[in-house]
Amino acid sequence: MSTPVRDASTVILVRDGRSGVEVFLQRRVGGMAFAAGMTVFPGGGVDPSDATATAGWAGPAPSWWAERLSVDVPRGRALVLAAVRETFEECGVLLAGPTESTIVSDSTAFSGERRRVEARDLPFGQFLVDNDLVVRTDLLRPWANWITPEGEAARRYDTRFFVAVAPEGQVADDATSEATDAGWSTAESALADFRDGRRALMPPTWAMLRRLAHHDRVADVLADAPDLAPVQPVVVTTGEAVRVDFDGAEQYYADMPSA
């Protein structure tokens, strides 16, 4: 029986640093059911509450997102809400504000609610309504779409990648139960860590970092035309060796350190 595919949203959080564009990365806990021990961007599966949230909405309409993401309107809305929620849960950055043109200046004021949202004790939409916050979808940019290949994992995801600039005044942290450590890095440094065996990267993360490495400033990242064509690698077995095949796979495996 084929493993069902679940919708997911991932946010590539970027900022301008002294050495160029920096991206926020976290190393997932070793006991996680999916991508254990891998270095990833903040993100996760769409929650049922993302589809029913009634919070205020600023930026492109859900219909615009649905068209860009090639899904129906309810699904597009849920994917965007999941992106904002997961970013808040996993690194404390909140892409929301009291009005359509403002953003929360210090998200640590909501640390208690953040823990409850992560624990699923408080629906994210209810948190937004309780605090009169509007989701700033205009701060997100759609960037890519990767689908977990069949046969690679017990869980499969149809993941939309978004880019967002770290809001001024907010601090991304590692206060989540899903990561052992987290922090900012240039794409070049993260890729070097992968080649040297200090980080484990799945193909989508590796591909996004290679793309980021071509840009010197955040403005260049935001100006980059998104490639939203779905990418679904294929599992290939040769003898006892198992690998995934995708556009760029040869370089990915060349970069991977020898066991």
C-alpha atoms as a PDB file:
ATOM      1  CA  MET A   1       0.000   0.000   0.000  1.00  0.00           C
ATOM      2  CA  SER A   2       1.313   3.436  -0.921  1.00  0.00           C
ATOM      3  CA  THR A   3       2.094   5.802   1.970  1.00  0.00           C
ATOM      4  CA  PRO A   4      -0.356   8.741   1.957  1.00  0.00           C
ATOM      5  CA  VAL A   5       1.077  12.180   1.255  1.00  0.00           C
ATOM      6  CA  ARG A   6       0.434  14.926   3.797  1.00  0.00           C
ATOM      7  CA  ASP A   7       0.619  18.668   3.099  1.00  0.00           C
ATOM      8  CA  ALA A   8       3.461  20.548   4.827  1.00  0.00           C
ATOM      9  CA  SER A   9       4.893  24.058   4.897  1.00  0.00           C
ATOM     10  CA  THR A  10       8.506  25.091   5.433  1.00  0.00           C
ATOM     11  CA  VAL A  11       9.844  28.624   5.868  1.00  0.00           C
ATOM     12  CA  ILE A  12      13.327  29.667   4.775  1.00  0.00           C
ATOM     13  CA  LEU A  13      13.952  32.523   7.187  1.00  0.00           C
ATOM     14  CA  VAL A  14      16.672  34.884   5.902  1.00  0.00           C
ATOM     15  CA  ARG A  15      18.501  38.037   6.953  1.00  0.00           C
ATOM     16  CA  ASP A  16      21.445  40.115   5.760  1.00  0.00           C
ATOM     17  CA  GLY A  17      24.629  39.294   7.691  1.00  0.00           C
ATOM     18  CA  ARG A  18      28.213  40.503   7.612  1.00  0.00           C
ATOM     19  CA  SER A  19      29.222  37.693   5.262  1.00  0.00           C
ATOM     20  CA  GLY A  20      26.112  37.824   3.105  1.00  0.00           C
ATOM     21  CA  VAL A  21      22.692  36.215   3.332  1.00  0.00           C
ATOM     22  CA  GLU A  22      22.170  34.164   6.477  1.00  0.00           C
ATOM     23  CA  VAL A  23      19.512  31.483   6.917  1.00  0.00           C
ATOM     24  CA  PHE A  24      18.035  30.049  10.098  1.00  0.00           C
ATOM     25  CA  LEU A  25      18.660  26.318  10.489  1.00  0.00           C
ATOM     26  CA  GLN A  26      17.848  23.785  13.186  1.00  0.00           C
ATOM     27  CA  ARG A  27      19.000  20.229  13.861  1.00  0.00           C
ATOM     28  CA  ARG A  28      16.044  17.939  14.472  1.00  0.00           C
ATOM     29  CA  VAL A  29      15.909  15.711  17.538  1.00  0.00           C
ATOM     30  CA  GLY A  30      17.268  12.222  16.880  1.00  0.00           C
ATOM     31  CA  GLY A  31      14.074  10.484  17.958  1.00  0.00           C
ATOM     32  CA  MET A  32      11.769  12.287  15.513  1.00  0.00           C
ATOM     33  CA  ALA A  33       9.600  10.096  13.286  1.00  0.00           C
ATOM     34  CA  PHE A  34      10.642  12.069  10.183  1.00  0.00           C
ATOM     35  CA  ALA A  35      14.042  13.561   9.278  1.00  0.00           C
ATOM     36  CA  ALA A  36      15.570  12.639  12.638  1.00  0.00           C
ATOM     37  CA  GLY A  37      18.929  14.337  13.186  1.00  0.00           C
ATOM     38  CA  MET A  38      18.697  16.292   9.951  1.00  0.00           C
ATOM     39  CA  THR A  39      19.433  19.991   9.618  1.00  0.00           C
ATOM     40  CA  VAL A  40      16.294  21.676   8.307  1.00  0.00           C
ATOM     41  CA  PHE A  41      14.409  24.960   8.031  1.00  0.00           C
ATOM     42  CA  PRO A  42      11.470  25.564  10.398  1.00  0.00           C
ATOM     43  CA  GLY A  43       8.401  23.759   9.169  1.00  0.00           C
ATOM     44  CA  GLY A  44       6.043  20.836   9.521  1.00  0.00           C
ATOM     45  CA  GLY A  45       2.782  19.255   8.520  1.00  0.00           C
ATOM     46  CA  VAL A  46      -0.439  21.176   8.029  1.00  0.00           C
ATOM     47  CA  ASP A  47      -2.651  20.843  11.111  1.00  0.00           C
ATOM     48  CA  PRO A  48      -6.454  20.458  10.838  1.00  0.00           C
ATOM     49  CA  SER A  49      -6.797  23.720  12.775  1.00  0.00           C
ATOM     50  CA  ASP A  50      -4.944  25.561   9.983  1.00  0.00           C
ATOM     51  CA  ALA A  51      -7.921  24.921   7.719  1.00  0.00           C
ATOM     52  CA  THR A  52     -10.478  26.262  10.175  1.00  0.00           C
ATOM     53  CA  ALA A  53      -8.665  29.301  11.632  1.00  0.00           C
ATOM     54  CA  THR A  54     -10.650  32.538  11.349  1.00  0.00           C
ATOM     55  CA  ALA A  55      -7.853  35.019  12.113  1.00  0.00           C
ATOM     56  CA  GLY A  56      -7.392  38.295  10.243  1.00  0.00           C
ATOM     57  CA  TRP A  57      -5.509  38.104   6.959  1.00  0.00           C
ATOM     58  CA  ALA A  58      -3.214  40.716   5.374  1.00  0.00           C
ATOM     59  CA  GLY A  59      -1.529  40.420   2.008  1.00  0.00           C
ATOM     60  CA  PRO A  60      -2.494  38.420  -1.087  1.00  0.00           C
ATOM     61  CA  ALA A  61      -5.929  36.835  -0.845  1.00  0.00           C
ATOM     62  CA  PRO A  62      -6.224  33.075  -0.245  1.00  0.00           C
ATOM     63  CA  SER A  63      -7.321  32.740  -3.883  1.00  0.00           C
ATOM     64  CA  TRP A  64      -3.966  34.223  -5.011  1.00  0.00           C
ATOM     65  CA  TRP A  65      -2.073  31.747  -2.852  1.00  0.00           C
ATOM     66  CA  ALA A  66      -4.208  28.880  -4.104  1.00  0.00           C
ATOM     67  CA  GLU A  67      -3.397  29.764  -7.706  1.00  0.00           C
ATOM     68  CA  ARG A  68       0.335  30.107  -6.990  1.00  0.00           C
ATOM     69  CA  LEU A  69       0.455  26.831  -5.055  1.00  0.00           C
ATOM     70  CA  SER A  70      -1.762  24.974  -7.564  1.00  0.00           C
ATOM     71  CA  VAL A  71      -4.324  23.949  -4.956  1.00  0.00           C
ATOM     72  CA  ASP A  72      -7.891  24.887  -4.070  1.00  0.00           C
ATOM     73  CA  VAL A  73      -8.553  27.944  -1.889  1.00  0.00           C
ATOM     74  CA  PRO A  74      -9.079  26.171   1.472  1.00  0.00           C
ATOM     75  CA  ARG A  75      -5.914  24.157   0.982  1.00  0.00           C
ATOM     76  CA  GLY A  76      -3.918  27.216  -0.058  1.00  0.00           C
ATOM     77  CA  ARG A  77      -5.099  29.114   3.006  1.00  0.00           C
ATOM     78  CA  ALA A  78      -4.186  26.201   5.268  1.00  0.00           C
ATOM     79  CA  LEU A  79      -0.692  25.939   3.765  1.00  0.00           C
ATOM     80  CA  VAL A  80      -0.007  29.622   4.419  1.00  0.00           C
ATOM     81  CA  LEU A  81      -1.395  29.462   7.968  1.00  0.00           C
ATOM     82  CA  ALA A  82       0.755  26.385   8.617  1.00  0.00           C
ATOM     83  CA  ALA A  83       3.850  28.285   7.433  1.00  0.00           C
ATOM     84  CA  VAL A  84       3.190  31.129   9.877  1.00  0.00           C
ATOM     85  CA  ARG A  85       2.287  28.754  12.727  1.00  0.00           C
ATOM     86  CA  GLU A  86       5.303  26.469  12.292  1.00  0.00           C
ATOM     87  CA  THR A  87       7.681  29.439  12.202  1.00  0.00           C
ATOM     88  CA  PHE A  88       6.208  30.692  15.476  1.00  0.00           C
ATOM     89  CA  GLU A  89       6.314  27.255  17.109  1.00  0.00           C
ATOM     90  CA  GLU A  90       9.795  26.250  16.042  1.00  0.00           C
ATOM     91  CA  CYS A  91      11.810  29.441  16.344  1.00  0.00           C
ATOM     92  CA  GLY A  92       9.545  32.052  17.968  1.00  0.00           C
ATOM     93  CA  VAL A  93       9.302  34.323  14.923  1.00  0.00           C
ATOM     94  CA  LEU A  94       5.753  35.575  14.485  1.00  0.00           C
ATOM     95  CA  LEU A  95       4.733  36.837  11.042  1.00  0.00           C
ATOM     96  CA  ALA A  96       1.707  38.691  12.365  1.00  0.00           C
ATOM     97  CA  GLY A  97       0.851  42.117  13.717  1.00  0.00           C
ATOM     98  CA  PRO A  98      -1.881  44.240  15.273  1.00  0.00           C
ATOM     99  CA  THR A  99      -2.723  45.788  11.884  1.00  0.00           C
ATOM    100  CA  GLU A 100      -2.339  44.933   8.212  1.00  0.00           C
ATOM    101  CA  SER A 101       0.782  47.098   7.958  1.00  0.00           C
ATOM    102  CA  THR A 102       2.544  46.376  11.259  1.00  0.00           C
ATOM    103  CA  ILE A 103       4.265  43.387  12.812  1.00  0.00           C
ATOM    104  CA  VAL A 104       4.872  42.242  16.363  1.00  0.00           C
ATOM    105  CA  SER A 105       8.099  43.857  17.562  1.00  0.00           C
ATOM    106  CA  ASP A 106       8.852  41.392  20.379  1.00  0.00           C
ATOM    107  CA  SER A 107       7.373  37.907  20.055  1.00  0.00           C
ATOM    108  CA  THR A 108       8.822  36.762  23.405  1.00  0.00           C
ATOM    109  CA  ALA A 109       5.779  38.342  25.054  1.00  0.00           C
ATOM    110  CA  PHE A 110       3.867  35.345  23.698  1.00  0.00           C
ATOM    111  CA  SER A 111       6.249  32.631  24.908  1.00  0.00           C
ATOM    112  CA  GLY A 112       3.576  30.993  27.066  1.00  0.00           C
ATOM    113  CA  GLU A 113       1.076  30.853  24.222  1.00  0.00           C
ATOM    114  CA  ARG A 114       3.809  29.583  21.912  1.00  0.00           C
ATOM    115  CA  ARG A 115       4.363  26.543  24.121  1.00  0.00           C
ATOM    116  CA  ARG A 116       0.617  25.883  24.217  1.00  0.00           C
ATOM    117  CA  VAL A 117       0.330  26.184  20.437  1.00  0.00           C
ATOM    118  CA  GLU A 118       3.214  23.750  19.965  1.00  0.00           C
ATOM    119  CA  ALA A 119       1.636  21.311  22.428  1.00  0.00           C
ATOM    120  CA  ARG A 120      -1.697  21.622  20.550  1.00  0.00           C
ATOM    121  CA  ASP A 121      -3.361  22.920  23.710  1.00  0.00           C
ATOM    122  CA  LEU A 122      -4.195  26.188  21.950  1.00  0.00           C
ATOM    123  CA  PRO A 123      -5.195  26.409  18.271  1.00  0.00           C
ATOM    124  CA  PHE A 124      -2.998  28.920  16.466  1.00  0.00           C
ATOM    125  CA  GLY A 125      -6.019  30.673  14.987  1.00  0.00           C
ATOM    126  CA  GLN A 126      -7.489  31.142  18.447  1.00  0.00           C
ATOM    127  CA  PHE A 127      -4.189  32.560  19.689  1.00  0.00           C
ATOM    128  CA  LEU A 128      -4.262  35.141  16.898  1.00  0.00           C
ATOM    129  CA  VAL A 129      -7.879  36.096  17.575  1.00  0.00           C
ATOM    130  CA  ASP A 130      -7.314  36.338  21.345  1.00  0.00           C
ATOM    131  CA  ASN A 131      -4.446  38.773  20.785  1.00  0.00           C
ATOM    132  CA  ASP A 132      -6.072  40.745  17.938  1.00  0.00           C
ATOM    133  CA  LEU A 133      -3.307  39.760  15.527  1.00  0.00           C
ATOM    134  CA  VAL A 134      -3.461  39.737  11.735  1.00  0.00           C
ATOM    135  CA  VAL A 135      -1.463  37.199   9.726  1.00  0.00           C
ATOM    136  CA  ARG A 136       1.017  39.041   7.457  1.00  0.00           C
ATOM    137  CA  THR A 137       0.976  36.754   4.425  1.00  0.00           C
ATOM    138  CA  ASP A 138       2.601  39.533   2.401  1.00  0.00           C
ATOM    139  CA  LEU A 139       5.842  38.743   4.259  1.00  0.00           C
ATOM    140  CA  LEU A 140       5.978  35.274   2.688  1.00  0.00           C
ATOM    141  CA  ARG A 141       7.189  34.374  -0.809  1.00  0.00           C
ATOM    142  CA  PRO A 142       6.443  30.972  -2.389  1.00  0.00           C
ATOM    143  CA  TRP A 143       9.735  29.414  -3.450  1.00  0.00           C
ATOM    144  CA  ALA A 144       9.584  25.681  -4.172  1.00  0.00           C
ATOM    145  CA  ASN A 145       7.571  22.464  -3.920  1.00  0.00           C
ATOM    146  CA  TRP A 146       9.116  19.092  -3.037  1.00  0.00           C
ATOM    147  CA  ILE A 147       7.341  15.772  -2.492  1.00  0.00           C
ATOM    148  CA  THR A 148       8.803  12.910  -0.464  1.00  0.00           C
ATOM    149  CA  PRO A 149       9.542  10.016  -2.841  1.00  0.00           C
ATOM    150  CA  GLU A 150       7.616   6.784  -2.596  1.00  0.00           C
ATOM    151  CA  GLY A 151       9.386   4.123  -0.587  1.00  0.00           C
ATOM    152  CA  GLU A 152      11.872   6.426   1.158  1.00  0.00           C
ATOM    153  CA  ALA A 153      10.094   6.984   4.472  1.00  0.00           C
ATOM    154  CA  ALA A 154       7.144   5.869   6.551  1.00  0.00           C
ATOM    155  CA  ARG A 155       5.819   9.427   6.293  1.00  0.00           C
ATOM    156  CA  ARG A 156       5.525  11.394   3.073  1.00  0.00           C
ATOM    157  CA  TYR A 157       4.954  15.130   2.626  1.00  0.00           C
ATOM    158  CA  ASP A 158       3.991  17.467  -0.181  1.00  0.00           C
ATOM    159  CA  THR A 159       6.001  20.435   1.103  1.00  0.00           C
ATOM    160  CA  ARG A 160       5.709  24.032   0.007  1.00  0.00           C
ATOM    161  CA  PHE A 161       8.804  26.113   0.721  1.00  0.00           C
ATOM    162  CA  PHE A 162       8.351  29.804   1.484  1.00  0.00           C
ATOM    163  CA  VAL A 163      10.931  32.563   1.973  1.00  0.00           C
ATOM    164  CA  ALA A 164      10.503  35.222   4.682  1.00  0.00           C
ATOM    165  CA  VAL A 165      12.758  37.972   5.979  1.00  0.00           C
ATOM    166  CA  ALA A 166      13.405  37.836   9.724  1.00  0.00           C
ATOM    167  CA  PRO A 167      11.353  40.687  11.248  1.00  0.00           C
ATOM    168  CA  GLU A 168      13.393  43.456  12.856  1.00  0.00           C
ATOM    169  CA  GLY A 169      13.337  43.202  16.645  1.00  0.00           C
ATOM    170  CA  GLN A 170      12.257  39.560  16.787  1.00  0.00           C
ATOM    171  CA  VAL A 171      14.788  36.898  17.800  1.00  0.00           C
ATOM    172  CA  ALA A 172      14.781  33.414  16.280  1.00  0.00           C
ATOM    173  CA  ASP A 173      15.690  30.843  18.936  1.00  0.00           C
ATOM    174  CA  ASP A 174      15.995  27.122  19.646  1.00  0.00           C
ATOM    175  CA  ALA A 175      13.249  26.931  22.298  1.00  0.00           C
ATOM    176  CA  THR A 176      11.384  24.034  20.695  1.00  0.00           C
ATOM    177  CA  SER A 177      11.039  20.385  21.617  1.00  0.00           C
ATOM    178  CA  GLU A 178      11.791  19.368  18.027  1.00  0.00           C
ATOM    179  CA  ALA A 179      15.385  20.645  17.734  1.00  0.00           C
ATOM    180  CA  THR A 180      18.618  20.007  19.614  1.00  0.00           C
ATOM    181  CA  ASP A 181      20.229  23.220  18.413  1.00  0.00           C
ATOM    182  CA  ALA A 182      19.527  26.046  16.006  1.00  0.00           C
ATOM    183  CA  GLY A 183      21.067  29.226  14.692  1.00  0.00           C
ATOM    184  CA  TRP A 184      22.009  31.417  11.756  1.00  0.00           C
ATOM    185  CA  SER A 185      24.445  30.371   9.060  1.00  0.00           C
ATOM    186  CA  THR A 186      25.350  31.374   5.553  1.00  0.00           C
ATOM    187  CA  ALA A 187      24.308  28.869   2.912  1.00  0.00           C
ATOM    188  CA  GLU A 188      27.957  28.364   1.960  1.00  0.00           C
ATOM    189  CA  SER A 189      28.900  27.491   5.536  1.00  0.00           C
ATOM    190  CA  ALA A 190      26.010  25.045   5.905  1.00  0.00           C
ATOM    191  CA  LEU A 191      26.943  23.324   2.653  1.00  0.00           C
ATOM    192  CA  ALA A 192      30.574  23.105   3.777  1.00  0.00           C
ATOM    193  CA  ASP A 193      29.409  21.487   7.016  1.00  0.00           C
ATOM    194  CA  PHE A 194      27.499  18.933   4.949  1.00  0.00           C
ATOM    195  CA  ARG A 195      30.548  18.107   2.854  1.00  0.00           C
ATOM    196  CA  ASP A 196      32.658  17.742   6.002  1.00  0.00           C
ATOM    197  CA  GLY A 197      30.113  15.545   7.769  1.00  0.00           C
ATOM    198  CA  ARG A 198      29.108  18.095  10.419  1.00  0.00           C
ATOM    199  CA  ARG A 199      25.542  18.386   9.120  1.00  0.00           C
ATOM    200  CA  ALA A 200      23.121  15.946   7.531  1.00  0.00           C
ATOM    201  CA  LEU A 201      20.991  17.492   4.790  1.00  0.00           C
ATOM    202  CA  MET A 202      18.079  16.005   2.900  1.00  0.00           C
ATOM    203  CA  PRO A 203      17.985  16.758  -0.847  1.00  0.00           C
ATOM    204  CA  PRO A 204      15.370  19.576  -0.602  1.00  0.00           C
ATOM    205  CA  THR A 205      17.322  21.437   2.104  1.00  0.00           C
ATOM    206  CA  TRP A 206      20.565  20.961   0.179  1.00  0.00           C
ATOM    207  CA  ALA A 207      18.934  22.260  -3.012  1.00  0.00           C
ATOM    208  CA  MET A 208      17.483  25.329  -1.264  1.00  0.00           C
ATOM    209  CA  LEU A 209      20.854  26.155   0.295  1.00  0.00           C
ATOM    210  CA  ARG A 210      22.612  25.870  -3.072  1.00  0.00           C
ATOM    211  CA  ARG A 211      20.057  28.269  -4.505  1.00  0.00           C
ATOM    212  CA  LEU A 212      20.526  30.726  -1.641  1.00  0.00           C
ATOM    213  CA  ALA A 213      24.301  30.559  -2.067  1.00  0.00           C
ATOM    214  CA  HIS A 214      23.958  32.348  -5.416  1.00  0.00           C
ATOM    215  CA  HIS A 215      22.620  35.500  -3.730  1.00  0.00           C
ATOM    216  CA  ASP A 216      24.619  38.172  -1.905  1.00  0.00           C
ATOM    217  CA  ARG A 217      21.735  40.092  -0.302  1.00  0.00           C
ATOM    218  CA  VAL A 218      18.231  39.364   0.942  1.00  0.00           C
ATOM    219  CA  ALA A 219      16.853  41.687  -1.742  1.00  0.00           C
ATOM    220  CA  ASP A 220      18.325  39.349  -4.354  1.00  0.00           C
ATOM    221  CA  VAL A 221      16.643  36.363  -2.711  1.00  0.00           C
ATOM    222  CA  LEU A 222      13.258  38.088  -2.785  1.00  0.00           C
ATOM    223  CA  ALA A 223      13.761  39.027  -6.429  1.00  0.00           C
ATOM    224  CA  ASP A 224      14.566  35.437  -7.409  1.00  0.00           C
ATOM    225  CA  ALA A 225      11.783  33.997  -9.547  1.00  0.00           C
ATOM    226  CA  PRO A 226      10.241  31.042  -7.701  1.00  0.00           C
ATOM    227  CA  ASP A 227      10.319  27.597  -9.289  1.00  0.00           C
ATOM    228  CA  LEU A 228       7.068  26.044  -8.077  1.00  0.00           C
ATOM    229  CA  ALA A 229       7.071  22.979 -10.342  1.00  0.00           C
ATOM    230  CA  PRO A 230       6.707  19.917  -8.062  1.00  0.00           C
ATOM    231  CA  VAL A 231       9.907  17.953  -7.526  1.00  0.00           C
ATOM    232  CA  GLN A 232       9.447  14.321  -6.518  1.00  0.00           C
ATOM    233  CA  PRO A 233      12.694  12.350  -6.318  1.00  0.00           C
ATOM    234  CA  VAL A 234      12.642   8.652  -7.194  1.00  0.00           C
ATOM    235  CA  VAL A 235      14.169   5.933  -5.022  1.00  0.00           C
ATOM    236  CA  VAL A 236      16.683   3.876  -7.021  1.00  0.00           C
ATOM    237  CA  THR A 237      18.117   0.560  -5.803  1.00  0.00           C
ATOM    238  CA  THR A 238      21.312  -0.788  -7.357  1.00  0.00           C
ATOM    239  CA  GLY A 239      22.510  -3.965  -5.710  1.00  0.00           C
ATOM    240  CA  GLU A 240      22.650  -3.129  -2.005  1.00  0.00           C
ATOM    241  CA  ALA A 241      22.872   0.622  -2.586  1.00  0.00           C
ATOM    242  CA  VAL A 242      19.767   2.794  -2.246  1.00  0.00           C
ATOM    243  CA  ARG A 243      19.695   6.423  -3.332  1.00  0.00           C
ATOM    244  CA  VAL A 244      17.221   9.019  -4.558  1.00  0.00           C
ATOM    245  CA  ASP A 245      17.359  10.412  -8.068  1.00  0.00           C
ATOM    246  CA  PHE A 246      16.474  14.044  -8.826  1.00  0.00           C
ATOM    247  CA  ASP A 247      17.839  16.921 -10.863  1.00  0.00           C
ATOM    248  CA  GLY A 248      21.145  17.617  -9.115  1.00  0.00           C
ATOM    249  CA  ALA A 249      21.460  14.219  -7.416  1.00  0.00           C
ATOM    250  CA  GLU A 250      24.950  13.576  -8.799  1.00  0.00           C
ATOM    251  CA  GLN A 251      26.308  16.697  -7.102  1.00  0.00           C
ATOM    252  CA  TYR A 252      24.381  15.932  -3.900  1.00  0.00           C
ATOM    253  CA  TYR A 253      26.013  12.523  -3.592  1.00  0.00           C
ATOM    254  CA  ALA A 254      29.390  13.942  -4.629  1.00  0.00           C
ATOM    255  CA  ASP A 255      29.101  16.450  -1.759  1.00  0.00           C
ATOM    256  CA  MET A 256      28.045  13.789   0.724  1.00  0.00           C
ATOM    257  CA  PRO A 257      31.011  12.689   2.875  1.00  0.00           C
ATOM    258  CA  SER A 258      32.134   9.071   2.635  1.00  0.00           C
ATOM    259  CA  ALA A 259      31.050   6.807   5.467  1.00  0.00           C
END
